[in-house]
Amino acid sequence: MVLSNMWNILVTEPKVYCEECLSILGELGNVVSREMSRAELLDSINTFAILMVGLETRADRELLERANALRIIGSPTTGLDHIDTSYARQKGIKIVSLKGEREFLEGVNASVEHTFALLLSLVRKIPWAFDSVRNEKWVRNKFFGTELNGKTLGIIGLGRIGTKVSKVAKSFGMKVVAFDPYTDTGRVRLADLDSLLEEADIISINAELTPETENMISSREFELMRRKPILVNTARGKIVNEDALLNALEKGLISGAAVDVLSNEVTSDEPLKDNPLVSYARQNDNLIITPHLGGATCESMKATQIYIAQRIKEVINRSSSRECDCKDGGDYD
């Protein structure tokens, strides 16, 4: 990693990043904070050593091939599917993210709260009841909901978020069962995936997107859902096969779904265009889609951005005191 006393830093989503974060970055060098079209970004990326992105910026191979001066990518996210991490590693670009930062993330609760915001909105039919009121219709019987108390919540992925979801669920009087082959915790009853799918009234996806979990929930899995559960996905869109999800909704294999993520959100500039799930949601009142808002609270975004900026500062200060080898350039924080 070639070092410089002053770094050219590009922040691609200025409406997202807070002033405190930008101030810390300003201590490191010249900060350019502005929105760019994809073409503008491709044309200018070769002049920047640090790139600060969010979920709306694709740091894919096409971009990284042109990023000849790039040494660090900062992303205040736990998921990195918007970054070509493999190619970044090849180029010696260090990625500073929230992945693996368990101690810091213990104090961040936004995604957990959004899981229940989606779930409660769906089971109590809040969006449609509010639409009715906005249209000056005071109607109750169309919007009777169901309670969470006594229902069985099946959690897929019992990491930090899944564990917190289980605690909140228990406070609602829910029974909890979880599938996670990488934990043996005694805090939650564990089951194999098929058993969970058969037993759960509500299923919450809280797993990390990996080659193992991509399309984990597809046609076969929906056929196993004998209780016609509600599916909530605040993790990553590619974990659930969207064609199979649409089919499950249309055939009544599940009662409904609330998703905060879409499979094409990091690969398409227009993820909603001609999207079959969006078309279904326009005509039905058992599907809610939000634009990846799980971690998007003012408190969590500010805290995570400042944390990433400070981590980048630490990386640069540490690197300045010694010659960095290729392994350092390939670390994933």
Protein backbone atom coordinates (compact mmCIF):
# COMPACT_ATOMS: atom_id res chain seq x y z
CA MET A 1 0.00 0.00 0.00
CA VAL A 2 1.59 3.25 -1.16
CA LEU A 3 1.08 5.95 1.41
CA SER A 4 0.63 9.68 1.08
CA ASN A 5 0.50 12.51 3.58
CA MET A 6 -2.75 13.77 2.06
CA TRP A 7 -5.36 11.48 0.58
CA ASN A 8 -7.95 12.19 -2.07
CA ILE A 9 -11.21 10.90 -0.64
CA LEU A 10 -14.49 10.41 -2.48
CA VAL A 11 -17.82 10.16 -0.66
CA THR A 12 -20.41 9.00 -3.17
CA GLU A 13 -23.57 9.42 -1.09
CA PRO A 14 -23.37 12.88 0.50
CA LYS A 15 -27.00 12.91 1.63
CA VAL A 16 -26.27 9.84 3.76
CA TYR A 17 -22.96 10.72 5.43
CA CYS A 18 -23.02 12.91 8.52
CA GLU A 19 -20.88 16.01 9.12
CA GLU A 20 -18.94 14.37 11.96
CA CYS A 21 -17.83 11.58 9.65
CA LEU A 22 -16.82 14.02 6.92
CA SER A 23 -14.88 16.06 9.48
CA ILE A 24 -12.82 13.03 10.49
CA LEU A 25 -12.13 12.22 6.85
CA GLY A 26 -11.16 15.84 6.30
CA GLU A 27 -8.27 15.34 8.72
CA LEU A 28 -6.87 12.76 6.30
CA GLY A 29 -6.96 14.76 3.10
CA ASN A 30 -9.12 16.35 0.44
CA VAL A 31 -12.73 15.18 0.62
CA VAL A 32 -14.99 15.31 -2.42
CA SER A 33 -18.55 14.63 -1.30
CA ARG A 34 -21.07 14.64 -4.12
CA GLU A 35 -23.45 12.44 -6.04
CA MET A 36 -22.22 11.14 -9.37
CA SER A 37 -23.80 9.26 -12.18
CA ARG A 38 -22.33 5.86 -12.88
CA ALA A 39 -20.51 7.28 -15.90
CA GLU A 40 -19.07 10.17 -13.86
CA LEU A 41 -17.92 7.78 -11.15
CA LEU A 42 -16.18 5.52 -13.65
CA ASP A 43 -14.44 8.51 -15.25
CA SER A 44 -13.17 10.03 -12.00
CA ILE A 45 -12.46 7.07 -9.68
CA ASN A 46 -8.81 6.78 -10.75
CA THR A 47 -7.92 9.99 -8.89
CA PHE A 48 -9.07 8.80 -5.44
CA ALA A 49 -7.23 6.79 -2.80
CA ILE A 50 -10.17 6.36 -0.42
CA LEU A 51 -13.73 5.59 -1.47
CA MET A 52 -16.60 5.89 1.00
CA VAL A 53 -19.73 4.12 -0.19
CA GLY A 54 -23.17 3.07 0.95
CA LEU A 55 -25.56 0.49 -0.39
CA GLU A 56 -26.42 2.63 -3.41
CA THR A 57 -22.88 2.56 -4.81
CA ARG A 58 -21.65 -0.53 -6.65
CA ALA A 59 -17.93 -1.00 -6.17
CA ASP A 60 -17.88 -3.80 -8.72
CA ARG A 61 -15.07 -5.09 -10.92
CA GLU A 62 -15.79 -2.52 -13.63
CA LEU A 63 -15.26 0.30 -11.15
CA LEU A 64 -12.28 -1.26 -9.39
CA GLU A 65 -10.47 -1.91 -12.67
CA ARG A 66 -10.35 1.85 -13.19
CA ALA A 67 -9.45 2.65 -9.58
CA ASN A 68 -5.69 2.68 -10.03
CA ALA A 69 -5.04 4.92 -7.02
CA LEU A 70 -7.60 3.32 -4.72
CA ARG A 71 -6.22 1.90 -1.48
CA ILE A 72 -9.19 1.83 0.93
CA ILE A 73 -12.94 1.35 0.59
CA GLY A 74 -15.05 2.31 3.58
CA SER A 75 -18.59 0.99 3.94
CA PRO A 76 -20.68 1.37 7.12
CA THR A 77 -22.43 -1.93 6.44
CA THR A 78 -22.15 -5.52 7.61
CA GLY A 79 -23.04 -6.98 4.20
CA LEU A 80 -20.57 -6.44 1.36
CA ASP A 81 -22.47 -7.72 -1.66
CA HIS A 82 -22.25 -4.23 -3.19
CA ILE A 83 -18.46 -4.58 -3.31
CA ASP A 84 -16.43 -7.05 -5.36
CA THR A 85 -14.37 -8.14 -2.38
CA SER A 86 -12.47 -10.81 -4.28
CA TYR A 87 -11.18 -8.41 -6.91
CA ALA A 88 -10.46 -5.77 -4.28
CA ARG A 89 -8.28 -8.31 -2.51
CA GLN A 90 -6.41 -9.01 -5.74
CA LYS A 91 -5.69 -5.30 -6.12
CA GLY A 92 -4.53 -4.90 -2.52
CA ILE A 93 -7.46 -2.63 -1.65
CA LYS A 94 -8.35 -2.70 2.02
CA ILE A 95 -12.03 -2.79 2.92
CA VAL A 96 -13.07 -1.23 6.19
CA SER A 97 -16.62 -2.22 7.09
CA LEU A 98 -18.77 -3.36 9.99
CA LYS A 99 -18.34 -7.02 9.11
CA GLY A 100 -17.14 -8.84 12.20
CA GLU A 101 -17.32 -5.76 14.45
CA ARG A 102 -19.51 -7.61 16.97
CA GLU A 103 -18.58 -5.55 20.05
CA PHE A 104 -19.43 -2.24 18.40
CA LEU A 105 -22.57 -3.59 16.74
CA GLU A 106 -24.02 -4.82 20.02
CA GLY A 107 -25.15 -1.25 20.59
CA VAL A 108 -26.85 -0.94 17.19
CA ASN A 109 -30.50 -2.04 17.18
CA ALA A 110 -31.98 -0.51 14.05
CA SER A 111 -32.33 -3.72 12.02
CA VAL A 112 -33.91 -5.55 14.95
CA GLU A 113 -36.50 -2.80 15.38
CA HIS A 114 -37.22 -2.74 11.65
CA THR A 115 -37.85 -6.48 11.67
CA PHE A 116 -40.71 -5.93 14.11
CA ALA A 117 -41.86 -2.75 12.40
CA LEU A 118 -42.39 -4.77 9.23
CA LEU A 119 -43.94 -7.71 11.03
CA LEU A 120 -46.39 -5.64 13.07
CA SER A 121 -47.31 -3.52 10.05
CA LEU A 122 -48.20 -6.67 8.15
CA VAL A 123 -50.10 -8.61 10.82
CA ARG A 124 -52.07 -5.51 11.89
CA LYS A 125 -52.62 -4.33 8.29
CA ILE A 126 -51.40 -0.85 9.17
CA PRO A 127 -50.43 0.42 5.69
CA TRP A 128 -53.81 -0.46 4.21
CA ALA A 129 -55.79 0.80 7.19
CA PHE A 130 -53.98 4.12 6.97
CA ASP A 131 -54.64 4.33 3.22
CA SER A 132 -58.32 3.84 4.00
CA VAL A 133 -58.29 6.66 6.54
CA ARG A 134 -56.45 8.94 4.12
CA ASN A 135 -59.28 8.28 1.69
CA GLU A 136 -61.72 9.39 4.41
CA LYS A 137 -63.05 5.89 5.06
CA TRP A 138 -63.41 4.95 8.72
CA VAL A 139 -63.66 1.15 8.29
CA ARG A 140 -62.58 -1.41 10.89
CA ASN A 141 -63.74 -4.88 9.92
CA LYS A 142 -61.56 -4.99 6.79
CA PHE A 143 -58.42 -4.51 8.86
CA PHE A 144 -58.72 -6.93 11.76
CA GLY A 145 -55.26 -8.32 12.46
CA THR A 146 -53.65 -11.17 14.34
CA GLU A 147 -51.57 -11.21 17.52
CA LEU A 148 -47.96 -12.23 17.96
CA ASN A 149 -48.59 -13.61 21.44
CA GLY A 150 -48.52 -17.41 21.41
CA LYS A 151 -47.18 -17.66 17.85
CA THR A 152 -44.00 -19.53 16.97
CA LEU A 153 -41.23 -17.46 15.44
CA GLY A 154 -38.65 -19.33 13.40
CA ILE A 155 -35.36 -17.45 13.11
CA ILE A 156 -32.95 -18.39 10.32
CA GLY A 157 -29.54 -17.16 11.41
CA LEU A 158 -28.88 -16.73 15.10
CA GLY A 159 -26.11 -14.18 14.99
CA ARG A 160 -26.20 -10.75 16.61
CA ILE A 161 -29.46 -9.63 14.99
CA GLY A 162 -31.17 -13.01 15.17
CA THR A 163 -30.36 -13.29 18.87
CA LYS A 164 -31.79 -9.83 19.55
CA VAL A 165 -34.88 -10.63 17.49
CA SER A 166 -35.43 -13.71 19.66
CA LYS A 167 -35.33 -11.62 22.83
CA VAL A 168 -37.88 -9.14 21.51
CA ALA A 169 -40.08 -11.98 20.29
CA LYS A 170 -40.16 -13.52 23.75
CA SER A 171 -41.29 -10.19 25.20
CA PHE A 172 -44.34 -10.46 22.90
CA GLY A 173 -45.07 -13.88 24.36
CA MET A 174 -43.86 -15.73 21.29
CA LYS A 175 -42.26 -19.14 21.19
CA VAL A 176 -38.91 -19.14 19.41
CA VAL A 177 -37.10 -21.79 17.40
CA ALA A 178 -33.95 -21.13 15.39
CA PHE A 179 -31.86 -22.68 12.66
CA ASP A 180 -28.15 -21.95 12.66
CA PRO A 181 -25.62 -24.74 12.03
CA TYR A 182 -22.82 -22.58 13.42
CA THR A 183 -24.10 -22.09 16.94
CA ASP A 184 -24.96 -24.36 19.83
CA THR A 185 -26.36 -21.70 22.11
CA GLY A 186 -28.77 -22.81 24.80
CA ARG A 187 -30.59 -19.47 24.80
CA VAL A 188 -32.93 -20.50 21.96
CA ARG A 189 -34.28 -23.89 20.97
CA LEU A 190 -32.49 -25.04 17.83
CA ALA A 191 -33.91 -27.17 15.03
CA ASP A 192 -32.96 -28.25 11.54
CA LEU A 193 -34.24 -26.04 8.73
CA ASP A 194 -37.01 -28.37 7.57
CA SER A 195 -38.43 -28.71 11.08
CA LEU A 196 -38.37 -24.95 11.57
CA LEU A 197 -40.21 -24.37 8.29
CA GLU A 198 -42.90 -26.87 9.25
CA GLU A 199 -43.39 -25.47 12.75
CA ALA A 200 -43.17 -21.69 12.45
CA ASP A 201 -46.07 -19.26 12.20
CA ILE A 202 -43.62 -16.49 11.32
CA ILE A 203 -40.18 -16.89 9.75
CA SER A 204 -37.50 -14.22 10.10
CA ILE A 205 -34.46 -14.28 7.82
CA ASN A 206 -31.45 -12.96 9.72
CA ALA A 207 -28.63 -14.92 8.09
CA GLU A 208 -25.59 -13.56 6.29
CA LEU A 209 -25.54 -13.85 2.51
CA THR A 210 -22.97 -16.48 1.55
CA PRO A 211 -22.77 -19.06 -1.25
CA GLU A 212 -24.32 -21.46 1.25
CA THR A 213 -27.32 -19.25 2.04
CA GLU A 214 -28.03 -17.91 -1.46
CA ASN A 215 -31.46 -19.22 -2.53
CA MET A 216 -31.72 -21.01 0.81
CA ILE A 217 -35.48 -20.43 0.75
CA SER A 218 -36.86 -21.60 -2.58
CA SER A 219 -39.74 -23.69 -3.93
CA ARG A 220 -38.98 -26.79 -1.87
CA GLU A 221 -38.79 -24.79 1.35
CA PHE A 222 -42.05 -22.96 0.71
CA GLU A 223 -43.78 -26.30 0.16
CA LEU A 224 -42.70 -27.34 3.68
CA MET A 225 -44.39 -24.34 5.32
CA ARG A 226 -47.53 -26.21 6.39
CA ARG A 227 -48.71 -23.45 8.77
CA LYS A 228 -48.77 -20.86 5.94
CA PRO A 229 -46.48 -18.52 7.85
CA ILE A 230 -45.50 -14.92 7.34
CA LEU A 231 -41.99 -14.44 5.96
CA VAL A 232 -39.89 -11.46 7.05
CA ASN A 233 -36.55 -10.80 5.34
CA THR A 234 -34.33 -7.99 6.62
CA ALA A 235 -31.08 -9.73 5.66
CA ARG A 236 -30.29 -9.95 1.94
CA GLY A 237 -32.62 -10.44 -1.01
CA LYS A 238 -30.71 -13.30 -2.60
CA ILE A 239 -31.29 -15.56 0.41
CA VAL A 240 -34.90 -15.97 -0.75
CA ASN A 241 -35.60 -17.01 -4.33
CA GLU A 242 -37.98 -14.28 -5.46
CA ASP A 243 -39.71 -16.34 -8.16
CA ALA A 244 -40.48 -18.95 -5.52
CA LEU A 245 -41.63 -16.23 -3.10
CA LEU A 246 -44.04 -14.82 -5.66
CA ASN A 247 -45.37 -18.28 -6.40
CA ALA A 248 -45.84 -18.95 -2.66
CA LEU A 249 -47.83 -15.72 -2.30
CA GLU A 250 -49.98 -16.39 -5.33
CA LYS A 251 -50.73 -19.98 -4.31
CA GLY A 252 -51.32 -19.18 -0.65
CA LEU A 253 -48.41 -21.29 0.59
CA ILE A 254 -47.63 -18.40 2.96
CA SER A 255 -49.95 -15.85 4.53
CA GLY A 256 -47.80 -12.89 3.60
CA ALA A 257 -44.32 -11.44 3.41
CA ALA A 258 -42.52 -8.31 4.55
CA VAL A 259 -39.15 -7.72 2.92
CA ASP A 260 -36.62 -4.94 3.29
CA VAL A 261 -34.33 -6.25 0.56
CA LEU A 262 -34.49 -7.26 -3.10
CA SER A 263 -32.16 -9.60 -4.94
CA ASN A 264 -31.25 -7.05 -7.62
CA GLU A 265 -30.88 -3.95 -5.46
CA VAL A 266 -27.07 -3.89 -5.71
CA THR A 267 -26.85 -4.90 -9.36
CA SER A 268 -29.54 -2.76 -10.97
CA ASP A 269 -29.93 1.00 -11.21
CA GLU A 270 -33.70 0.45 -11.31
CA PRO A 271 -34.46 -2.53 -9.04
CA LEU A 272 -38.21 -1.79 -9.01
CA LYS A 273 -38.70 -1.55 -12.77
CA ASP A 274 -40.85 -4.44 -14.06
CA ASN A 275 -40.36 -6.21 -10.73
CA PRO A 276 -43.01 -8.96 -10.30
CA LEU A 277 -43.04 -8.59 -6.52
CA VAL A 278 -43.76 -4.87 -6.78
CA SER A 279 -46.55 -5.61 -9.26
CA TYR A 280 -48.02 -8.15 -6.84
CA ALA A 281 -47.81 -5.67 -3.94
CA ARG A 282 -49.81 -3.10 -5.89
CA GLN A 283 -52.75 -5.50 -6.08
CA ASN A 284 -52.57 -7.34 -2.75
CA ASP A 285 -52.49 -6.50 0.94
CA ASN A 286 -50.18 -9.25 2.19
CA LEU A 287 -46.82 -8.02 0.91
CA ILE A 288 -44.79 -5.09 2.22
CA ILE A 289 -41.53 -3.99 0.58
CA THR A 290 -39.26 -1.30 2.03
CA PRO A 291 -36.07 0.05 0.35
CA HIS A 292 -33.44 -1.54 2.61
CA LEU A 293 -34.17 0.62 5.64
CA GLY A 294 -33.16 -1.93 8.29
CA GLY A 295 -30.11 -0.04 9.47
CA ALA A 296 -31.34 3.36 8.37
CA THR A 297 -32.04 5.27 11.56
CA CYS A 298 -30.42 8.62 12.25
CA GLU A 299 -28.75 7.20 15.36
CA SER A 300 -27.35 4.04 13.81
CA MET A 301 -26.17 5.69 10.60
CA LYS A 302 -24.35 8.44 12.45
CA ALA A 303 -22.69 6.00 14.84
CA THR A 304 -21.59 3.57 12.15
CA GLN A 305 -20.26 6.27 9.81
CA ILE A 306 -18.17 7.84 12.54
CA TYR A 307 -16.91 4.42 13.55
CA ILE A 308 -15.81 3.58 9.98
CA ALA A 309 -14.11 6.97 9.55
CA GLN A 310 -12.20 6.45 12.79
CA ARG A 311 -11.21 2.94 11.74
CA ILE A 312 -9.86 4.27 8.44
CA LYS A 313 -7.89 6.88 10.34
CA GLU A 314 -6.45 4.14 12.54
CA VAL A 315 -5.54 2.05 9.50
CA ILE A 316 -3.70 4.95 7.89
CA ASN A 317 -1.89 5.91 11.10
CA ARG A 318 -0.88 2.31 11.68
CA SER A 319 0.25 1.86 8.09
CA SER A 320 2.26 5.08 8.20
CA SER A 321 4.50 3.64 10.88
CA ARG A 322 5.52 0.57 8.91
CA GLU A 323 5.71 -0.76 5.39
CA CYS A 324 2.48 -2.57 4.52
CA ASP A 325 2.58 -5.98 2.86
CA CYS A 326 -0.06 -7.54 0.63
CA LYS A 327 -1.74 -9.27 3.53
CA ASP A 328 -2.46 -5.94 5.18
CA GLY A 329 -3.96 -4.64 1.96
CA GLY A 330 -6.30 -7.62 1.82
CA ASP A 331 -7.64 -7.48 5.38
CA TYR A 332 -11.41 -7.27 5.71
CA ASP A 333 -12.57 -5.29 8.71
